Amino acid sequence: MRMTRRHLRLCLAALWLLDGALQCQPSMFTRNFSQSILAPASRGLPSALAAPLHLLAAVVAAHPVLTNTGAALIQIALGAGLLTRRFTRLALGASIAWASMVWMAGEGFGGVATGATMLVGAPGAALLYAVLAVVAWPSPSREGERPSWWALPAWSSLWLVGAGLQLVAGNDSSMSLTMALRSAGASSPRWIARIDQGLAATHLPRWTPAVVIALDVLVAMWALVPGWTRQVSLGLGSAFALAQWLVFQGLGDLTSGQSTDPNCGPLIVLLAWATLGAAPRRRRVSVDVGSLPTSVASGASGAGLTVLEVSSGSR
């Protein structure tokens, strides 16, 4: 079954409602939310970017119940709004705005500026929320039920960014992967921690990061080729994203009591599903009716310019 924009909006609604429920966990109504989640997000950022995040963390620490209640209600309202047809555009616009703010303040720009990789959740779940909201935006066109064609460049860009982040100094060694596994094992459920510890103890080969980078690039490039090659990209990327979600992201640490979202794995799979059913890009082409054969131009009232829409590629 191909995904429609309505399906995508319903999935986003479910995710926002889940985030709202996670925001209602007891620890979120204490200073722990500010100290354990907001404050660490600013570490390693340039002072110009870190200063407003420090201020926000201080405000939340001073009024944890009030600010957290507001955040929970906003996310629940976004989910409820996306379930209706009447408030679809308003809910999507608010989703983009709220997700962008969370990406900057709550995720520290997705960790991109501090050396995080796609394995551990960069470029940030909140950014993917915003991207999916754009892809799900209602369209008046004939193919308006299909997700926006923007899903395809978003998918390829995501994996190219992943490859670039893995190439950054410090992330291009097997030791960096081992350290990421140990860090993930420290906060993951026990059965996932055992997997992480087992992988960390295997002494990963030096070429392991090169394999990760090559896989990211292949997923990005194959998606640009229509047909079965694109389907391979979407399937391979989804499987890799779920593996990252399990091993490096601990299934979003949903049982830790401090998780605010499911992390990137499910969102990447959702983007893959949207890309599979996305409408092809359409471009407008000007045609001089006067230069066409009489039989073709007979319906026109004299020579002039007619604008036609043509698909830029087949699915």
Protein backbone atom coordinates (compact mmCIF):
# COMPACT_ATOMS: atom_id res chain seq x y z
CA MET A 1 0.00 0.00 0.00
CA ARG A 2 1.37 3.38 -1.01
CA MET A 3 1.37 6.14 1.57
CA THR A 4 -0.76 9.25 1.03
CA ARG A 5 -0.35 12.64 2.63
CA ARG A 6 -3.26 11.77 4.89
CA HIS A 7 -1.49 8.60 6.05
CA LEU A 8 1.66 10.61 6.71
CA ARG A 9 -0.24 13.19 8.74
CA LEU A 10 -1.84 10.46 10.84
CA CYS A 11 1.58 8.96 11.54
CA LEU A 12 2.89 12.39 12.54
CA ALA A 13 -0.14 12.82 14.78
CA ALA A 14 0.65 9.53 16.53
CA LEU A 15 4.27 10.59 17.02
CA TRP A 16 3.31 13.97 18.49
CA LEU A 17 0.85 12.30 20.86
CA LEU A 18 3.60 9.88 21.91
CA ASP A 19 5.96 12.81 22.52
CA GLY A 20 3.28 14.54 24.56
CA ALA A 21 2.84 11.41 26.66
CA LEU A 22 6.61 11.13 27.17
CA GLN A 23 6.68 14.77 28.24
CA CYS A 24 4.23 13.87 31.00
CA GLN A 25 6.66 11.48 32.71
CA PRO A 26 7.25 12.43 36.37
CA SER A 27 10.93 13.32 35.92
CA MET A 28 10.02 15.93 33.32
CA PHE A 29 8.24 18.03 35.95
CA THR A 30 11.43 18.44 37.98
CA ARG A 31 14.70 20.30 37.47
CA ASN A 32 16.06 17.05 36.07
CA PHE A 33 14.55 17.88 32.67
CA SER A 34 16.58 21.06 32.44
CA GLN A 35 19.76 19.60 33.92
CA SER A 36 19.79 16.27 32.04
CA ILE A 37 18.29 17.21 28.67
CA LEU A 38 18.32 20.94 27.94
CA ALA A 39 21.63 21.96 29.51
CA PRO A 40 23.72 19.20 27.84
CA ALA A 41 22.30 20.20 24.44
CA SER A 42 24.36 23.40 24.49
CA ARG A 43 27.69 21.75 25.30
CA GLY A 44 30.29 22.21 22.61
CA LEU A 45 28.30 24.83 20.71
CA PRO A 46 29.76 28.25 19.83
CA SER A 47 29.01 30.82 22.53
CA ALA A 48 26.61 32.72 20.25
CA LEU A 49 24.47 29.61 19.90
CA ALA A 50 24.93 28.30 23.42
CA ALA A 51 23.95 31.52 25.25
CA PRO A 52 20.21 31.46 24.42
CA LEU A 53 20.09 27.73 25.21
CA HIS A 54 21.63 28.39 28.63
CA LEU A 55 18.98 31.05 29.23
CA LEU A 56 16.18 28.67 28.24
CA ALA A 57 17.55 25.93 30.50
CA ALA A 58 17.65 28.40 33.39
CA VAL A 59 14.03 29.46 32.81
CA VAL A 60 12.86 25.83 32.65
CA ALA A 61 14.84 24.98 35.79
CA ALA A 62 13.16 27.86 37.64
CA HIS A 63 9.64 26.87 36.53
CA PRO A 64 9.78 23.14 35.67
CA VAL A 65 6.10 22.33 36.22
CA LEU A 66 4.76 25.29 34.25
CA THR A 67 7.14 25.01 31.29
CA ASN A 68 6.89 21.24 31.00
CA THR A 69 3.10 21.32 31.18
CA GLY A 70 3.11 23.83 28.35
CA ALA A 71 5.43 21.68 26.24
CA ALA A 72 3.30 18.58 26.81
CA LEU A 73 0.07 20.39 25.94
CA ILE A 74 1.57 21.85 22.75
CA GLN A 75 2.63 18.43 21.48
CA ILE A 76 -0.70 16.85 22.37
CA ALA A 77 -2.48 19.72 20.58
CA LEU A 78 -0.31 19.19 17.49
CA GLY A 79 -1.23 15.51 17.41
CA ALA A 80 -4.93 16.23 17.90
CA GLY A 81 -4.86 18.92 15.21
CA LEU A 82 -3.32 16.55 12.66
CA LEU A 83 -6.09 14.03 13.30
CA THR A 84 -8.66 16.51 11.99
CA ARG A 85 -9.05 17.81 8.45
CA ARG A 86 -10.22 21.27 9.49
CA PHE A 87 -6.98 22.26 11.26
CA THR A 88 -4.54 20.36 9.05
CA ARG A 89 -2.62 23.33 7.68
CA LEU A 90 -2.51 25.09 11.04
CA ALA A 91 -1.25 21.93 12.77
CA LEU A 92 1.40 21.29 10.10
CA GLY A 93 2.64 24.88 10.23
CA ALA A 94 2.78 24.74 14.02
CA SER A 95 4.57 21.38 13.79
CA ILE A 96 7.30 22.89 11.63
CA ALA A 97 7.71 25.85 14.00
CA TRP A 98 7.72 23.76 17.20
CA ALA A 99 9.98 21.06 15.75
CA SER A 100 12.46 23.72 14.60
CA MET A 101 12.54 25.23 18.09
CA VAL A 102 12.99 21.80 19.71
CA TRP A 103 15.77 21.00 17.22
CA MET A 104 17.67 24.14 18.22
CA ALA A 105 16.94 24.28 21.96
CA GLY A 106 16.25 20.70 22.97
CA GLU A 107 18.63 18.88 20.62
CA GLY A 108 21.38 21.48 20.26
CA PHE A 109 20.97 21.62 16.47
CA GLY A 110 20.83 17.84 16.35
CA GLY A 111 24.40 17.51 17.60
CA VAL A 112 25.69 18.42 14.14
CA ALA A 113 28.00 21.12 15.53
CA THR A 114 29.35 18.90 18.30
CA GLY A 115 30.50 15.83 16.34
CA ALA A 116 27.43 13.60 16.60
CA THR A 117 26.83 11.11 13.79
CA MET A 118 23.76 9.65 12.18
CA LEU A 119 24.40 6.43 14.11
CA VAL A 120 23.52 8.11 17.40
CA GLY A 121 20.69 10.30 16.08
CA ALA A 122 22.11 13.25 14.13
CA PRO A 123 20.94 15.43 12.45
CA GLY A 124 18.12 15.21 15.01
CA ALA A 125 14.65 13.71 15.29
CA ALA A 126 13.02 17.14 15.56
CA LEU A 127 14.44 18.16 12.18
CA LEU A 128 12.87 15.06 10.64
CA TYR A 129 9.51 16.03 12.17
CA ALA A 130 9.72 19.34 10.32
CA VAL A 131 10.74 17.66 7.05
CA LEU A 132 7.88 15.18 7.25
CA ALA A 133 5.42 18.01 7.93
CA VAL A 134 6.57 19.71 4.71
CA VAL A 135 6.20 16.46 2.76
CA ALA A 136 2.69 15.96 4.20
CA TRP A 137 1.49 19.50 3.40
CA PRO A 138 -1.85 19.41 1.50
CA SER A 139 -1.66 20.02 -2.23
CA PRO A 140 -4.45 21.09 -4.65
CA SER A 141 -2.89 19.25 -7.61
CA ARG A 142 -4.27 16.12 -9.25
CA GLU A 143 -1.65 14.05 -7.49
CA GLY A 144 -2.19 15.85 -4.21
CA GLU A 145 -2.88 12.66 -2.30
CA ARG A 146 0.65 11.43 -2.88
CA PRO A 147 3.42 12.77 -0.61
CA SER A 148 5.34 15.74 -1.94
CA TRP A 149 8.24 15.11 -4.33
CA TRP A 150 10.41 16.87 -1.74
CA ALA A 151 10.58 13.51 0.07
CA LEU A 152 13.16 12.26 -2.45
CA PRO A 153 15.76 15.06 -2.11
CA ALA A 154 15.19 15.00 1.65
CA TRP A 155 15.97 11.26 1.74
CA SER A 156 19.14 11.57 -0.32
CA SER A 157 20.31 14.67 1.58
CA LEU A 158 19.81 12.90 4.91
CA TRP A 159 22.17 10.07 3.95
CA LEU A 160 24.75 12.38 2.40
CA VAL A 161 24.77 14.37 5.64
CA GLY A 162 25.21 11.08 7.49
CA ALA A 163 28.25 10.26 5.37
CA GLY A 164 29.70 13.73 5.92
CA LEU A 165 29.25 13.55 9.69
CA GLN A 166 30.98 10.15 9.75
CA LEU A 167 33.92 11.65 7.84
CA VAL A 168 34.53 14.36 10.43
CA ALA A 169 37.77 13.96 12.34
CA GLY A 170 37.18 11.78 15.36
CA ASN A 171 34.29 9.87 13.80
CA ASP A 172 36.29 8.15 11.07
CA SER A 173 37.94 5.54 13.28
CA SER A 174 36.82 2.19 14.61
CA MET A 175 37.54 3.45 18.12
CA SER A 176 34.83 6.11 17.71
CA LEU A 177 32.29 3.38 16.93
CA THR A 178 33.42 1.35 19.93
CA MET A 179 33.04 4.39 22.18
CA ALA A 180 29.55 5.03 20.77
CA LEU A 181 28.58 1.43 21.52
CA ARG A 182 29.83 1.69 25.09
CA SER A 183 27.99 4.96 25.60
CA ALA A 184 24.77 3.49 24.17
CA GLY A 185 25.07 0.41 26.38
CA ALA A 186 25.24 2.57 29.50
CA SER A 187 21.71 3.93 29.04
CA SER A 188 19.94 1.22 27.01
CA PRO A 189 17.67 -1.54 28.35
CA ARG A 190 19.65 -4.51 29.66
CA TRP A 191 19.07 -6.79 26.67
CA ILE A 192 20.21 -4.07 24.25
CA ALA A 193 23.17 -3.24 26.48
CA ARG A 194 24.33 -6.85 26.13
CA ILE A 195 24.32 -6.47 22.34
CA ASP A 196 26.27 -3.21 22.58
CA GLN A 197 28.81 -4.70 24.97
CA GLY A 198 29.27 -7.74 22.75
CA LEU A 199 29.88 -5.60 19.67
CA ALA A 200 32.22 -3.28 21.55
CA ALA A 201 34.28 -6.27 22.70
CA THR A 202 34.81 -7.58 19.14
CA HIS A 203 37.51 -4.97 18.30
CA LEU A 204 35.91 -3.59 15.14
CA PRO A 205 38.18 -3.56 12.07
CA ARG A 206 39.72 -0.24 11.02
CA TRP A 207 37.71 -0.23 7.82
CA THR A 208 34.34 -0.35 9.62
CA PRO A 209 33.76 3.45 9.38
CA ALA A 210 34.55 3.28 5.65
CA VAL A 211 31.81 0.67 5.23
CA VAL A 212 29.35 2.90 7.10
CA ILE A 213 30.26 5.90 4.93
CA ALA A 214 30.03 3.88 1.71
CA LEU A 215 26.64 2.53 2.72
CA ASP A 216 25.35 6.05 3.45
CA VAL A 217 26.54 7.30 0.06
CA LEU A 218 25.07 4.32 -1.81
CA VAL A 219 21.69 4.77 -0.16
CA ALA A 220 21.74 8.46 -1.13
CA MET A 221 22.82 7.89 -4.74
CA TRP A 222 20.67 4.84 -5.53
CA ALA A 223 17.56 6.77 -4.49
CA LEU A 224 18.11 9.15 -7.43
CA VAL A 225 17.66 6.31 -9.94
CA PRO A 226 13.96 5.50 -10.57
CA GLY A 227 12.69 1.93 -10.43
CA TRP A 228 14.00 -1.01 -8.48
CA THR A 229 17.26 0.79 -7.62
CA ARG A 230 15.33 3.41 -5.66
CA GLN A 231 13.38 0.68 -3.89
CA VAL A 232 16.65 -0.98 -2.89
CA SER A 233 17.84 2.35 -1.48
CA LEU A 234 14.67 2.79 0.56
CA GLY A 235 14.72 -0.79 1.84
CA LEU A 236 18.43 -0.79 2.66
CA GLY A 237 18.24 2.64 4.28
CA SER A 238 15.26 1.61 6.40
CA ALA A 239 16.99 -1.56 7.58
CA PHE A 240 20.18 0.35 8.41
CA ALA A 241 18.20 3.04 10.25
CA LEU A 242 16.40 0.42 12.35
CA ALA A 243 19.73 -1.26 13.15
CA GLN A 244 21.12 2.10 14.30
CA TRP A 245 17.97 2.71 16.31
CA LEU A 246 18.40 -0.60 18.11
CA VAL A 247 22.14 -0.73 18.66
CA PHE A 248 23.24 2.90 19.00
CA GLN A 249 20.01 4.64 20.06
CA GLY A 250 18.57 2.01 22.41
CA LEU A 251 15.14 2.19 20.72
CA GLY A 252 15.04 5.85 21.71
CA ASP A 253 15.52 4.97 25.42
CA LEU A 254 11.73 4.99 25.66
CA THR A 255 11.79 3.09 28.96
CA SER A 256 14.38 5.31 30.64
CA GLY A 257 11.91 7.86 31.99
CA GLN A 258 13.87 10.68 30.36
CA SER A 259 13.10 10.16 26.68
CA THR A 260 11.22 12.94 24.91
CA ASP A 261 10.84 11.25 21.50
CA PRO A 262 11.53 7.88 19.83
CA ASN A 263 14.71 9.23 18.17
CA CYS A 264 15.43 8.99 14.44
CA GLY A 265 14.88 5.33 13.51
CA PRO A 266 11.07 5.32 13.07
CA LEU A 267 11.14 8.75 11.43
CA ILE A 268 13.65 7.63 8.80
CA VAL A 269 11.48 4.60 8.00
CA LEU A 270 8.47 6.91 7.73
CA LEU A 271 10.41 9.16 5.33
CA ALA A 272 11.33 6.09 3.25
CA TRP A 273 7.68 5.08 3.03
CA ALA A 274 6.73 8.62 1.99
CA THR A 275 9.50 8.66 -0.63
CA LEU A 276 8.26 5.38 -2.09
CA GLY A 277 4.84 6.86 -2.76
CA ALA A 278 5.92 10.44 -3.51
CA ALA A 279 4.61 12.22 -6.57
CA PRO A 280 7.13 12.94 -9.36
CA ARG A 281 8.34 16.49 -9.68
CA ARG A 282 6.40 18.55 -12.18
CA ARG A 283 7.81 21.53 -14.02
CA ARG A 284 6.10 24.14 -16.14
CA VAL A 285 7.14 24.43 -19.77
CA SER A 286 6.17 27.23 -22.16
CA VAL A 287 5.09 26.04 -25.62
CA ASP A 288 4.60 28.33 -28.61
CA VAL A 289 1.20 27.20 -29.89
CA GLY A 290 1.81 28.99 -33.18
CA SER A 291 4.69 26.65 -33.95
CA LEU A 292 2.57 23.51 -33.53
CA PRO A 293 0.80 21.72 -36.39
CA THR A 294 -2.67 23.07 -37.22
CA SER A 295 -4.36 19.89 -36.02
CA VAL A 296 -2.73 20.27 -32.60
CA ALA A 297 -3.25 23.99 -32.23
CA SER A 298 -6.81 24.08 -33.61
CA GLY A 299 -8.21 24.48 -30.13
CA ALA A 300 -6.20 27.63 -29.48
CA SER A 301 -7.49 31.08 -30.34
CA GLY A 302 -4.48 32.23 -32.33
CA ALA A 303 -0.76 32.01 -31.80
CA GLY A 304 0.43 32.56 -28.24
CA LEU A 305 2.05 30.89 -25.31
CA THR A 306 0.48 27.97 -23.48
CA VAL A 307 1.88 26.64 -20.22
CA LEU A 308 1.89 22.88 -19.81
CA GLU A 309 2.85 20.79 -16.82
CA VAL A 310 5.06 17.81 -17.50
CA SER A 311 6.56 15.25 -15.18
CA SER A 312 10.31 15.46 -14.74
CA GLY A 313 10.63 11.72 -14.32
CA SER A 314 8.72 8.49 -14.12
CA ARG A 315 8.19 6.45 -11.00
